[in-house]
C-alpha atoms as a PDB file:
ATOM      1  CA  UNK A   1       7.616 -15.081 -18.392  1.00  0.00           C
ATOM      2  CA  UNK A   2       4.624 -13.418 -17.015  1.00  0.00           C
ATOM      3  CA  UNK A   3       5.788 -10.581 -14.384  1.00  0.00           C
ATOM      4  CA  UNK A   4       5.113 -11.251 -10.583  1.00  0.00           C
ATOM      5  CA  UNK A   5       1.939  -9.404  -9.401  1.00  0.00           C
ATOM      6  CA  UNK A   6       1.732  -9.023  -5.480  1.00  0.00           C
ATOM      7  CA  UNK A   7      -1.409  -8.684  -3.553  1.00  0.00           C
ATOM      8  CA  UNK A   8      -2.511  -7.510  -0.133  1.00  0.00           C
ATOM      9  CA  UNK A   9      -2.353 -11.422   1.206  1.00  0.00           C
ATOM     10  CA  UNK A  10       1.205 -11.206   0.231  1.00  0.00           C
ATOM     11  CA  UNK A  11       1.890  -8.331   2.703  1.00  0.00           C
ATOM     12  CA  UNK A  12       2.421  -8.159   6.479  1.00  0.00           C
ATOM     13  CA  UNK A  13       1.338  -4.768   7.797  1.00  0.00           C
ATOM     14  CA  UNK A  14       3.146  -5.271  10.942  1.00  0.00           C
ATOM     15  CA  UNK A  15       6.387  -4.877   9.359  1.00  0.00           C
ATOM     16  CA  UNK A  16       5.713  -1.433   8.652  1.00  0.00           C
ATOM     17  CA  UNK A  17       3.926  -0.862  11.597  1.00  0.00           C
ATOM     18  CA  UNK A  18       6.816  -1.740  13.920  1.00  0.00           C
ATOM     19  CA  UNK A  19       9.039   0.790  11.945  1.00  0.00           C
ATOM     20  CA  UNK A  20       9.583   4.519  12.302  1.00  0.00           C
ATOM     21  CA  UNK A  21       8.967   5.780   8.644  1.00  0.00           C
ATOM     22  CA  UNK A  22      10.408   8.995   7.657  1.00  0.00           C
ATOM     23  CA  UNK A  23       9.520  11.298   5.034  1.00  0.00           C
ATOM     24  CA  UNK A  24      11.662  13.214   2.950  1.00  0.00           C
ATOM     25  CA  UNK A  25       9.347  15.490   1.291  1.00  0.00           C
ATOM     26  CA  UNK A  26       5.642  16.093   1.876  1.00  0.00           C
ATOM     27  CA  UNK A  27       4.706  17.175  -1.621  1.00  0.00           C
ATOM     28  CA  UNK A  28       1.867  15.676  -3.631  1.00  0.00           C
ATOM     29  CA  UNK A  29       3.031  12.065  -3.234  1.00  0.00           C
ATOM     30  CA  UNK A  30       4.457  12.668   0.120  1.00  0.00           C
ATOM     31  CA  UNK A  31       1.226  13.921   1.697  1.00  0.00           C
ATOM     32  CA  UNK A  32      -1.050  11.037  -0.105  1.00  0.00           C
ATOM     33  CA  UNK A  33       1.484   8.389   1.141  1.00  0.00           C
ATOM     34  CA  UNK A  34       2.018   9.695   4.760  1.00  0.00           C
ATOM     35  CA  UNK A  35      -1.950   9.971   5.298  1.00  0.00           C
ATOM     36  CA  UNK A  36      -2.346   6.431   3.969  1.00  0.00           C
ATOM     37  CA  UNK A  37       0.126   5.001   6.172  1.00  0.00           C
ATOM     38  CA  UNK A  38      -1.326   6.874   9.265  1.00  0.00           C
ATOM     39  CA  UNK A  39      -4.659   5.286   8.168  1.00  0.00           C
ATOM     40  CA  UNK A  40      -3.167   2.018   7.886  1.00  0.00           C
ATOM     41  CA  UNK A  41      -2.264   2.192  11.699  1.00  0.00           C
ATOM     42  CA  UNK A  42       1.298   2.851  11.187  1.00  0.00           C
ATOM     43  CA  UNK A  43       2.190   5.028  14.319  1.00  0.00           C
ATOM     44  CA  UNK A  44       5.553   6.321  13.718  1.00  0.00           C
ATOM     45  CA  UNK A  45       5.702   8.680  10.926  1.00  0.00           C
ATOM     46  CA  UNK A  46       8.209  11.412  11.013  1.00  0.00           C
ATOM     47  CA  UNK A  47       7.846  14.162   8.326  1.00  0.00           C
ATOM     48  CA  UNK A  48      11.138  15.755   6.974  1.00  0.00           C
ATOM     49  CA  UNK A  49      10.435  18.893   4.883  1.00  0.00           C
ATOM     50  CA  UNK A  50      11.900  22.593   4.610  1.00  0.00           C
ATOM     51  CA  UNK A  51       9.759  25.062   6.343  1.00  0.00           C
ATOM     52  CA  UNK A  52       7.884  26.163   3.514  1.00  0.00           C
ATOM     53  CA  UNK A  53       3.918  25.534   2.612  1.00  0.00           C
ATOM     54  CA  UNK A  54       4.012  21.931   2.616  1.00  0.00           C
ATOM     55  CA  UNK A  55       5.491  21.861   6.096  1.00  0.00           C
ATOM     56  CA  UNK A  56       2.307  24.051   7.060  1.00  0.00           C
ATOM     57  CA  UNK A  57       0.176  21.541   5.268  1.00  0.00           C
ATOM     58  CA  UNK A  58       1.911  18.698   7.252  1.00  0.00           C
ATOM     59  CA  UNK A  59       0.950  20.579  10.394  1.00  0.00           C
ATOM     60  CA  UNK A  60      -2.603  21.107   9.354  1.00  0.00           C
ATOM     61  CA  UNK A  61      -2.672  17.526   8.775  1.00  0.00           C
ATOM     62  CA  UNK A  62      -1.710  16.637  12.462  1.00  0.00           C
ATOM     63  CA  UNK A  63       1.802  15.963  11.952  1.00  0.00           C
ATOM     64  CA  UNK A  64       4.949  17.949  13.406  1.00  0.00           C
ATOM     65  CA  UNK A  65       7.328  18.477  10.646  1.00  0.00           C
ATOM     66  CA  UNK A  66      11.101  18.481  11.391  1.00  0.00           C
ATOM     67  CA  UNK A  67      14.324  19.166   9.190  1.00  0.00           C
ATOM     68  CA  UNK A  68      15.188  16.625   6.904  1.00  0.00           C
ATOM     69  CA  UNK A  69      18.241  15.678   8.473  1.00  0.00           C
ATOM     70  CA  UNK A  70      16.498  15.211  11.932  1.00  0.00           C
ATOM     71  CA  UNK A  71      13.730  13.063   9.954  1.00  0.00           C
ATOM     72  CA  UNK A  72      16.544  10.998   8.492  1.00  0.00           C
ATOM     73  CA  UNK A  73      18.284  10.437  11.565  1.00  0.00           C
ATOM     74  CA  UNK A  74      15.261   8.854  12.874  1.00  0.00           C
ATOM     75  CA  UNK A  75      13.906   6.761  10.232  1.00  0.00           C
ATOM     76  CA  UNK A  76      14.220   2.961   9.729  1.00  0.00           C
ATOM     77  CA  UNK A  77      12.431   3.417   6.469  1.00  0.00           C
ATOM     78  CA  UNK A  78      13.209   6.560   4.400  1.00  0.00           C
ATOM     79  CA  UNK A  79      10.390   7.526   1.921  1.00  0.00           C
ATOM     80  CA  UNK A  80      12.336   9.687  -0.707  1.00  0.00           C
ATOM     81  CA  UNK A  81       9.558  11.481  -2.194  1.00  0.00           C
ATOM     82  CA  UNK A  82      10.838  15.036  -3.759  1.00  0.00           C
ATOM     83  CA  UNK A  83      11.311  15.631  -7.302  1.00  0.00           C
ATOM     84  CA  UNK A  84      13.888  13.819  -9.154  1.00  0.00           C
ATOM     85  CA  UNK A  85      16.112  16.668 -10.393  1.00  0.00           C
ATOM     86  CA  UNK A  86      16.869  17.328  -6.604  1.00  0.00           C
ATOM     87  CA  UNK A  87      17.005  14.144  -5.233  1.00  0.00           C
ATOM     88  CA  UNK A  88      20.876  13.803  -5.844  1.00  0.00           C
ATOM     89  CA  UNK A  89      21.943  17.381  -4.040  1.00  0.00           C
ATOM     90  CA  UNK A  90      19.386  16.800  -1.206  1.00  0.00           C
ATOM     91  CA  UNK A  91      20.904  13.183  -0.912  1.00  0.00           C
ATOM     92  CA  UNK A  92      24.157  14.315  -0.662  1.00  0.00           C
ATOM     93  CA  UNK A  93      23.836  17.268   1.577  1.00  0.00           C
ATOM     94  CA  UNK A  94      21.147  16.559   4.098  1.00  0.00           C
ATOM     95  CA  UNK A  95      20.490  12.611   3.610  1.00  0.00           C
ATOM     96  CA  UNK A  96      23.630  10.486   3.446  1.00  0.00           C
ATOM     97  CA  UNK A  97      25.669  11.419   6.323  1.00  0.00           C
ATOM     98  CA  UNK A  98      22.782  10.971   8.613  1.00  0.00           C
ATOM     99  CA  UNK A  99      21.251   7.903   7.649  1.00  0.00           C
ATOM    100  CA  UNK A 100      20.692   5.232  10.239  1.00  0.00           C
ATOM    101  CA  UNK A 101      22.695   1.499   9.836  1.00  0.00           C
ATOM    102  CA  UNK A 102      20.732  -0.943   8.529  1.00  0.00           C
ATOM    103  CA  UNK A 103      17.693   1.132   7.083  1.00  0.00           C
ATOM    104  CA  UNK A 104      15.685   0.979   3.997  1.00  0.00           C
ATOM    105  CA  UNK A 105      15.309   3.430   1.200  1.00  0.00           C
ATOM    106  CA  UNK A 106      12.112   3.436  -0.545  1.00  0.00           C
ATOM    107  CA  UNK A 107      11.743   5.450  -3.928  1.00  0.00           C
ATOM    108  CA  UNK A 108       8.323   6.259  -5.581  1.00  0.00           C
ATOM    109  CA  UNK A 109      10.863   7.205  -8.910  1.00  0.00           C
ATOM    110  CA  UNK A 110      13.096   5.002 -10.239  1.00  0.00           C
ATOM    111  CA  UNK A 111      15.345   7.611 -11.813  1.00  0.00           C
ATOM    112  CA  UNK A 112      18.018   8.359  -9.342  1.00  0.00           C
ATOM    113  CA  UNK A 113      18.810   4.812  -8.455  1.00  0.00           C
ATOM    114  CA  UNK A 114      18.374   3.556 -11.873  1.00  0.00           C
ATOM    115  CA  UNK A 115      21.242   6.084 -13.013  1.00  0.00           C
ATOM    116  CA  UNK A 116      22.987   5.370  -9.915  1.00  0.00           C
ATOM    117  CA  UNK A 117      23.003   9.152  -8.703  1.00  0.00           C
ATOM    118  CA  UNK A 118      22.715   8.420  -4.992  1.00  0.00           C
ATOM    119  CA  UNK A 119      25.453   7.407  -2.928  1.00  0.00           C
ATOM    120  CA  UNK A 120      23.935   4.632  -1.112  1.00  0.00           C
ATOM    121  CA  UNK A 121      25.562   3.148   1.983  1.00  0.00           C
ATOM    122  CA  UNK A 122      26.561  -0.517   1.779  1.00  0.00           C
ATOM    123  CA  UNK A 123      24.349  -1.897   4.394  1.00  0.00           C
ATOM    124  CA  UNK A 124      21.125  -0.090   2.865  1.00  0.00           C
ATOM    125  CA  UNK A 125      18.164  -2.055   1.461  1.00  0.00           C
ATOM    126  CA  UNK A 126      16.746  -0.291  -1.592  1.00  0.00           C
ATOM    127  CA  UNK A 127      13.431  -0.961  -2.818  1.00  0.00           C
ATOM    128  CA  UNK A 128      10.863   0.888  -5.065  1.00  0.00           C
ATOM    129  CA  UNK A 129       7.222   1.595  -4.637  1.00  0.00           C
ATOM    130  CA  UNK A 130       5.961   3.345  -7.359  1.00  0.00           C
ATOM    131  CA  UNK A 131       2.331   4.287  -7.632  1.00  0.00           C
ATOM    132  CA  UNK A 132       1.389   4.918 -11.127  1.00  0.00           C
ATOM    133  CA  UNK A 133      -0.882   7.960 -10.239  1.00  0.00           C
ATOM    134  CA  UNK A 134      -0.493  11.536  -9.016  1.00  0.00           C
ATOM    135  CA  UNK A 135      -0.637  11.883  -5.374  1.00  0.00           C
ATOM    136  CA  UNK A 136      -4.177  13.207  -4.995  1.00  0.00           C
ATOM    137  CA  UNK A 137      -5.353  10.100  -6.700  1.00  0.00           C
ATOM    138  CA  UNK A 138      -3.409   7.712  -4.380  1.00  0.00           C
ATOM    139  CA  UNK A 139      -5.068   9.378  -1.601  1.00  0.00           C
ATOM    140  CA  UNK A 140      -8.474   9.493  -2.909  1.00  0.00           C
ATOM    141  CA  UNK A 141      -8.584   6.085  -4.079  1.00  0.00           C
ATOM    142  CA  UNK A 142      -7.317   4.730  -0.593  1.00  0.00           C
ATOM    143  CA  UNK A 143     -10.231   6.337   1.235  1.00  0.00           C
ATOM    144  CA  UNK A 144     -12.515   5.305  -1.374  1.00  0.00           C
ATOM    145  CA  UNK A 145     -11.125   1.545  -1.190  1.00  0.00           C
ATOM    146  CA  UNK A 146     -10.496   1.637  -4.675  1.00  0.00           C
ATOM    147  CA  UNK A 147      -7.394   0.247  -6.288  1.00  0.00           C
ATOM    148  CA  UNK A 148      -4.712   1.908  -8.412  1.00  0.00           C
ATOM    149  CA  UNK A 149      -1.873   0.607 -10.520  1.00  0.00           C
ATOM    150  CA  UNK A 150       1.590   0.350  -8.652  1.00  0.00           C
ATOM    151  CA  UNK A 151       4.919  -0.763  -9.570  1.00  0.00           C
ATOM    152  CA  UNK A 152       7.311  -2.585  -6.929  1.00  0.00           C
ATOM    153  CA  UNK A 153      10.850  -3.756  -7.097  1.00  0.00           C
ATOM    154  CA  UNK A 154      13.862  -4.825  -5.023  1.00  0.00           C
ATOM    155  CA  UNK A 155      16.886  -2.862  -5.840  1.00  0.00           C
ATOM    156  CA  UNK A 156      19.681  -3.878  -3.034  1.00  0.00           C
ATOM    157  CA  UNK A 157      18.515  -6.635  -0.600  1.00  0.00           C
ATOM    158  CA  UNK A 158      21.118  -6.360   2.217  1.00  0.00           C
ATOM    159  CA  UNK A 159      19.098  -7.870   4.814  1.00  0.00           C
ATOM    160  CA  UNK A 160      17.082 -10.515   3.522  1.00  0.00           C
ATOM    161  CA  UNK A 161      14.089  -8.642   4.203  1.00  0.00           C
ATOM    162  CA  UNK A 162      13.905  -6.091   1.654  1.00  0.00           C
ATOM    163  CA  UNK A 163      10.676  -7.822  -0.491  1.00  0.00           C
ATOM    164  CA  UNK A 164       8.907  -8.035   2.566  1.00  0.00           C
ATOM    165  CA  UNK A 165       9.357  -4.489   3.687  1.00  0.00           C
ATOM    166  CA  UNK A 166       8.629  -3.123  -0.102  1.00  0.00           C
ATOM    167  CA  UNK A 167       5.417  -5.251   0.028  1.00  0.00           C
ATOM    168  CA  UNK A 168       4.510  -4.111   3.325  1.00  0.00           C
ATOM    169  CA  UNK A 169       4.844  -0.368   2.643  1.00  0.00           C
ATOM    170  CA  UNK A 170       3.027  -1.254  -0.708  1.00  0.00           C
ATOM    171  CA  UNK A 171      -0.043  -2.510   1.076  1.00  0.00           C
ATOM    172  CA  UNK A 172      -0.135   0.109   3.674  1.00  0.00           C
ATOM    173  CA  UNK A 173      -0.687   2.878   0.899  1.00  0.00           C
ATOM    174  CA  UNK A 174      -3.043   0.925  -0.851  1.00  0.00           C
ATOM    175  CA  UNK A 175      -0.997  -0.060  -3.949  1.00  0.00           C
ATOM    176  CA  UNK A 176      -1.509  -3.697  -3.695  1.00  0.00           C
ATOM    177  CA  UNK A 177      -5.341  -3.721  -3.720  1.00  0.00           C
ATOM    178  CA  UNK A 178      -7.315  -5.246  -6.429  1.00  0.00           C
ATOM    179  CA  UNK A 179      -5.356  -6.198  -9.322  1.00  0.00           C
ATOM    180  CA  UNK A 180      -2.410  -6.018  -7.289  1.00  0.00           C
ATOM    181  CA  UNK A 181       1.021  -4.232  -7.526  1.00  0.00           C
ATOM    182  CA  UNK A 182       3.573  -5.398 -10.861  1.00  0.00           C
ATOM    183  CA  UNK A 183       6.700  -6.196 -10.100  1.00  0.00           C
ATOM    184  CA  UNK A 184       8.888  -4.297 -11.908  1.00  0.00           C
ATOM    185  CA  UNK A 185      12.523  -2.454 -11.575  1.00  0.00           C
ATOM    186  CA  UNK A 186      14.067   1.263 -11.271  1.00  0.00           C
ATOM    187  CA  UNK A 187      15.550   0.783 -14.897  1.00  0.00           C
ATOM    188  CA  UNK A 188      12.099  -0.294 -16.355  1.00  0.00           C
ATOM    189  CA  UNK A 189      10.160   2.328 -14.447  1.00  0.00           C
ATOM    190  CA  UNK A 190      12.735   5.032 -15.464  1.00  0.00           C
ATOM    191  CA  UNK A 191      13.049   4.082 -18.776  1.00  0.00           C
ATOM    192  CA  UNK A 192       9.473   3.883 -19.610  1.00  0.00           C
ATOM    193  CA  UNK A 193       8.912   7.109 -17.815  1.00  0.00           C
ATOM    194  CA  UNK A 194      11.477   9.198 -19.585  1.00  0.00           C
ATOM    195  CA  UNK A 195      10.494   7.378 -23.176  1.00  0.00           C
ATOM    196  CA  UNK A 196       6.911   8.855 -22.411  1.00  0.00           C
ATOM    197  CA  UNK A 197       8.139  12.158 -21.631  1.00  0.00           C
ATOM    198  CA  UNK A 198      10.649  12.509 -24.385  1.00  0.00           C
ATOM    199  CA  UNK A 199       9.304  10.205 -27.096  1.00  0.00           C
ATOM    200  CA  UNK A 200       5.178   9.428 -26.913  1.00  0.00           C
ATOM    201  CA  UNK A 201       3.963  12.879 -25.630  1.00  0.00           C
ATOM    202  CA  UNK A 202       6.075  14.806 -27.635  1.00  0.00           C
ATOM    203  CA  UNK A 203       4.756  13.273 -30.665  1.00  0.00           C
ATOM    204  CA  UNK A 204       1.320  13.534 -29.551  1.00  0.00           C
ATOM    205  CA  UNK A 205       1.675  17.359 -29.149  1.00  0.00           C
ATOM    206  CA  UNK A 206       3.261  17.589 -32.501  1.00  0.00           C
ATOM    207  CA  UNK A 207       0.478  16.063 -33.930  1.00  0.00           C
ATOM    208  CA  UNK A 208      -1.970  18.551 -32.371  1.00  0.00           C
ATOM    209  CA  UNK A 209       0.457  21.329 -33.532  1.00  0.00           C
ATOM    210  CA  UNK A 210       0.686  20.348 -36.948  1.00  0.00           C
ATOM    211  CA  UNK A 211      -2.868  19.410 -37.262  1.00  0.00           C
ATOM    212  CA  UNK A 212      -3.861  22.913 -36.149  1.00  0.00           C
ATOM    213  CA  UNK A 213      -1.583  24.451 -38.460  1.00  0.00           C
ATOM    214  CA  UNK A 214      -3.162  22.626 -41.349  1.00  0.00           C
ATOM    215  CA  UNK A 215      -6.643  23.136 -40.347  1.00  0.00           C
ATOM    216  CA  UNK A 216      -5.730  26.850 -39.559  1.00  0.00           C
ATOM    217  CA  UNK A 217      -4.021  27.111 -43.122  1.00  0.00           C
ATOM    218  CA  UNK A 218      -7.342  25.711 -44.596  1.00  0.00           C
ATOM    219  CA  UNK A 219      -9.555  28.478 -43.370  1.00  0.00           C
ATOM    220  CA  UNK A 220     -11.207  26.656 -40.129  1.00  0.00           C
ATOM    221  CA  UNK A 221     -11.783  28.716 -37.140  1.00  0.00           C
ATOM    222  CA  UNK A 222      -9.628  28.285 -34.210  1.00  0.00           C
ATOM    223  CA  UNK A 223     -12.727  27.742 -32.219  1.00  0.00           C
ATOM    224  CA  UNK A 224     -14.065  24.864 -34.179  1.00  0.00           C
ATOM    225  CA  UNK A 225     -10.329  23.440 -34.610  1.00  0.00           C
ATOM    226  CA  UNK A 226      -9.615  23.308 -30.738  1.00  0.00           C
ATOM    227  CA  UNK A 227     -13.050  22.202 -29.555  1.00  0.00           C
ATOM    228  CA  UNK A 228     -12.741  19.165 -31.954  1.00  0.00           C
ATOM    229  CA  UNK A 229      -9.294  18.384 -31.347  1.00  0.00           C
ATOM    230  CA  UNK A 230      -9.174  18.801 -27.297  1.00  0.00           C
ATOM    231  CA  UNK A 231     -11.495  21.360 -25.488  1.00  0.00           C
ATOM    232  CA  UNK A 232     -14.379  19.409 -26.070  1.00  0.00           C
ATOM    233  CA  UNK A 233     -12.446  16.566 -23.851  1.00  0.00           C
ATOM    234  CA  UNK A 234     -13.511  13.902 -26.442  1.00  0.00           C
ATOM    235  CA  UNK A 235      -9.570  12.641 -26.232  1.00  0.00           C
ATOM    236  CA  UNK A 236      -9.854  12.211 -22.717  1.00  0.00           C
ATOM    237  CA  UNK A 237     -13.074  10.273 -23.097  1.00  0.00           C
ATOM    238  CA  UNK A 238     -11.249   8.036 -25.487  1.00  0.00           C
ATOM    239  CA  UNK A 239      -8.300   7.241 -23.413  1.00  0.00           C
ATOM    240  CA  UNK A 240     -10.317   6.352 -20.553  1.00  0.00           C
ATOM    241  CA  UNK A 241     -12.289   3.728 -22.727  1.00  0.00           C
ATOM    242  CA  UNK A 242      -8.709   2.597 -24.064  1.00  0.00           C
ATOM    243  CA  UNK A 243      -7.608   2.240 -20.557  1.00  0.00           C
ATOM    244  CA  UNK A 244     -11.041   0.213 -19.641  1.00  0.00           C
ATOM    245  CA  UNK A 245     -11.041  -1.755 -23.121  1.00  0.00           C
ATOM    246  CA  UNK A 246      -8.102  -1.939 -24.836  1.00  0.00           C
ATOM    247  CA  UNK A 247      -6.499   0.532 -27.643  1.00  0.00           C
ATOM    248  CA  UNK A 248      -8.539  -1.177 -30.628  1.00  0.00           C
ATOM    249  CA  UNK A 249     -11.711  -2.450 -28.919  1.00  0.00           C
ATOM    250  CA  UNK A 250     -12.899   1.022 -27.978  1.00  0.00           C
ATOM    251  CA  UNK A 251     -13.293   1.867 -31.354  1.00  0.00           C
ATOM    252  CA  UNK A 252     -16.237  -0.130 -31.239  1.00  0.00           C
ATOM    253  CA  UNK A 253     -17.948   2.865 -29.585  1.00  0.00           C
ATOM    254  CA  UNK A 254     -17.176   5.289 -32.921  1.00  0.00           C
ATOM    255  CA  UNK A 255     -19.171   5.524 -35.981  1.00  0.00           C
ATOM    256  CA  UNK A 256     -18.334   2.985 -38.889  1.00  0.00           C
ATOM    257  CA  UNK A 257     -16.849   6.342 -40.657  1.00  0.00           C
ATOM    258  CA  UNK A 258     -14.549   6.846 -37.796  1.00  0.00           C
ATOM    259  CA  UNK A 259     -13.525   3.364 -37.581  1.00  0.00           C
ATOM    260  CA  UNK A 260     -12.459   2.984 -41.070  1.00  0.00           C
ATOM    261  CA  UNK A 261     -10.819   6.248 -41.145  1.00  0.00           C
ATOM    262  CA  UNK A 262      -8.477   5.419 -38.338  1.00  0.00           C
ATOM    263  CA  UNK A 263      -8.024   1.539 -39.015  1.00  0.00           C
ATOM    264  CA  UNK A 264      -7.406   2.341 -42.493  1.00  0.00           C
ATOM    265  CA  UNK A 265      -4.782   4.819 -42.153  1.00  0.00           C
ATOM    266  CA  UNK A 266      -3.097   3.071 -39.003  1.00  0.00           C
ATOM    267  CA  UNK A 267      -2.765  -0.360 -40.897  1.00  0.00           C
ATOM    268  CA  UNK A 268      -0.951   1.163 -43.805  1.00  0.00           C
ATOM    269  CA  UNK A 269       1.458   3.276 -41.638  1.00  0.00           C
ATOM    270  CA  UNK A 270       4.483   1.000 -41.025  1.00  0.00           C
ATOM    271  CA  UNK A 271       5.957   3.583 -38.824  1.00  0.00           C
ATOM    272  CA  UNK A 272       9.448   2.709 -39.687  1.00  0.00           C
ATOM    273  CA  UNK A 273      10.625   6.213 -39.504  1.00  0.00           C
ATOM    274  CA  UNK A 274       8.907   6.872 -35.978  1.00  0.00           C
ATOM    275  CA  UNK A 275      10.374   3.475 -34.900  1.00  0.00           C
ATOM    276  CA  UNK A 276      13.716   4.355 -35.758  1.00  0.00           C
ATOM    277  CA  UNK A 277      13.430   7.528 -33.962  1.00  0.00           C
ATOM    278  CA  UNK A 278      12.147   6.085 -30.766  1.00  0.00           C
ATOM    279  CA  UNK A 279      15.026   3.691 -30.644  1.00  0.00           C
ATOM    280  CA  UNK A 280      17.386   6.565 -30.838  1.00  0.00           C
ATOM    281  CA  UNK A 281      15.669   8.419 -28.016  1.00  0.00           C
ATOM    282  CA  UNK A 282      15.499   5.289 -25.939  1.00  0.00           C
ATOM    283  CA  UNK A 283      19.084   3.835 -26.377  1.00  0.00           C
ATOM    284  CA  UNK A 284      21.108   6.927 -27.228  1.00  0.00           C
ATOM    285  CA  UNK A 285      19.552   9.317 -24.716  1.00  0.00           C
ATOM    286  CA  UNK A 286      17.545   7.681 -21.665  1.00  0.00           C
ATOM    287  CA  UNK A 287      19.173   4.121 -21.140  1.00  0.00           C
ATOM    288  CA  UNK A 288      22.626   5.149 -22.137  1.00  0.00           C
ATOM    289  CA  UNK A 289      22.417   7.558 -19.205  1.00  0.00           C
ATOM    290  CA  UNK A 290      23.163  10.888 -21.295  1.00  0.00           C
ATOM    291  CA  UNK A 291      20.088  12.665 -20.305  1.00  0.00           C
ATOM    292  CA  UNK A 292      20.615  11.759 -16.454  1.00  0.00           C
ATOM    293  CA  UNK A 293      24.020  13.126 -16.722  1.00  0.00           C
ATOM    294  CA  UNK A 294      22.843  16.463 -18.294  1.00  0.00           C
ATOM    295  CA  UNK A 295      19.652  16.917 -16.031  1.00  0.00           C
ATOM    296  CA  UNK A 296      21.842  16.311 -12.844  1.00  0.00           C
ATOM    297  CA  UNK A 297      23.200  19.951 -13.503  1.00  0.00           C
ATOM    298  CA  UNK A 298      20.596  21.786 -12.147  1.00  0.00           C
ATOM    299  CA  UNK A 299      21.657  25.188 -13.162  1.00  0.00           C
ATOM    300  CA  UNK A 300      21.412  23.946 -17.041  1.00  0.00           C
ATOM    301  CA  UNK A 301      18.319  22.202 -16.547  1.00  0.00           C
ATOM    302  CA  UNK A 302      16.495  25.290 -15.266  1.00  0.00           C
ATOM    303  CA  UNK A 303      18.131  27.567 -18.021  1.00  0.00           C
ATOM    304  CA  UNK A 304      16.999  24.781 -20.748  1.00  0.00           C
ATOM    305  CA  UNK A 305      13.467  24.403 -19.494  1.00  0.00           C
ATOM    306  CA  UNK A 306      13.064  28.025 -19.363  1.00  0.00           C
ATOM    307  CA  UNK A 307      14.017  28.305 -22.764  1.00  0.00           C
ATOM    308  CA  UNK A 308      11.501  25.549 -23.828  1.00  0.00           C
ATOM    309  CA  UNK A 309       8.774  27.230 -22.523  1.00  0.00           C
ATOM    310  CA  UNK A 310       9.495  30.443 -24.333  1.00  0.00           C
ATOM    311  CA  UNK A 311       9.453  28.661 -27.553  1.00  0.00           C
ATOM    312  CA  UNK A 312       6.382  26.688 -27.076  1.00  0.00           C
ATOM    313  CA  UNK A 313       4.296  29.778 -25.909  1.00  0.00           C
ATOM    314  CA  UNK A 314       5.507  31.339 -28.991  1.00  0.00           C
ATOM    315  CA  UNK A 315       3.708  28.594 -31.112  1.00  0.00           C
ATOM    316  CA  UNK A 316       0.680  29.533 -33.271  1.00  0.00           C
ATOM    317  CA  UNK A 317      -1.249  26.765 -31.485  1.00  0.00           C
ATOM    318  CA  UNK A 318      -0.681  28.021 -28.087  1.00  0.00           C
ATOM    319  CA  UNK A 319      -1.519  31.529 -28.852  1.00  0.00           C
ATOM    320  CA  UNK A 320      -4.917  30.179 -30.520  1.00  0.00           C
ATOM    321  CA  UNK A 321      -5.308  28.528 -27.588  1.00  0.00           C
ATOM    322  CA  UNK A 322      -4.688  31.529 -25.370  1.00  0.00           C
ATOM    323  CA  UNK A 323      -7.225  33.578 -27.432  1.00  0.00           C
ATOM    324  CA  UNK A 324     -10.055  30.836 -27.599  1.00  0.00           C
ATOM    325  CA  UNK A 325      -9.855  30.468 -23.500  1.00  0.00           C
ATOM    326  CA  UNK A 326     -10.194  34.170 -23.338  1.00  0.00           C
ATOM    327  CA  UNK A 327     -13.246  34.287 -25.418  1.00  0.00           C
ATOM    328  CA  UNK A 328     -14.769  31.116 -23.543  1.00  0.00           C
ATOM    329  CA  UNK A 329     -14.038  32.869 -20.102  1.00  0.00           C
ATOM    330  CA  UNK A 330     -15.629  36.195 -21.295  1.00  0.00           C
ATOM    331  CA  UNK A 331     -18.806  34.188 -22.245  1.00  0.00           C
ATOM    332  CA  UNK A 332     -18.826  32.498 -18.953  1.00  0.00           C
ATOM    333  CA  UNK A 333     -18.718  36.031 -17.114  1.00  0.00           C
ATOM    334  CA  UNK A 334     -21.756  37.269 -19.049  1.00  0.00           C
END
């Protein structure tokens, strides 16, 4: 069955306008969504943030930031917009004991809800409003009245009004304009997001890495290899056409030699080994909850991430990239 798609005319903006909306975090998404809500005539917006550069930015933007605890105590709608890896800790230490009765939690990432990492009050509605775009894009497109893709879902509906609240918030941040907001779930959003991060993009990065190794061993210059692979921004232009026209139809913009090379190779690649690898990542590591369990250990996560960075930076491709960029920078300064 086709999924439900919601548009602006499905939403009642007066719902969010009649509530006190508390933001937990004023980072990339927090700032964009708070400003969009304000421009949608939502009057009662409370910014909860620690006293850091983000709080300073909130003051510059005309808000009066308070502690996370105080914001939560005031909020009818809680916008949880801090990084996934710290949400559980912040929730347990600063949010849970201060939640108002019969309030609504709005998440922009399904991760912590999908893997049951938050201790949710029995009387709390839980919804997801998940822009498929970085915060700057959410703000810029709202200001320019340009639609952007967004996922929405109702995860817990105690009041019977969770969907109406979800759609009101979505409309107010500009998420249901144009093609509309797509009905999804926290499990689906988190699963696809983690799959992209742990399966799709690592394979793409590995392709570039091994392509560099083969071409470098063949005696081609680092400058020529990296310019042709990505510094030229040709892949970015190709992906933009993929988004606009489709994965295969965009090939019509390529030469016939390029079309034949790509199609004759992909049509004869059965992908069985890759498919089996992807299935293991999705089912054994992501949907099983194993990754979420490991990643919840913030000390382990920080140590592992630092370790992975060190290993990546030692790779021949990373070092070649650094050298080529130093040359480019030197040329620009001449």
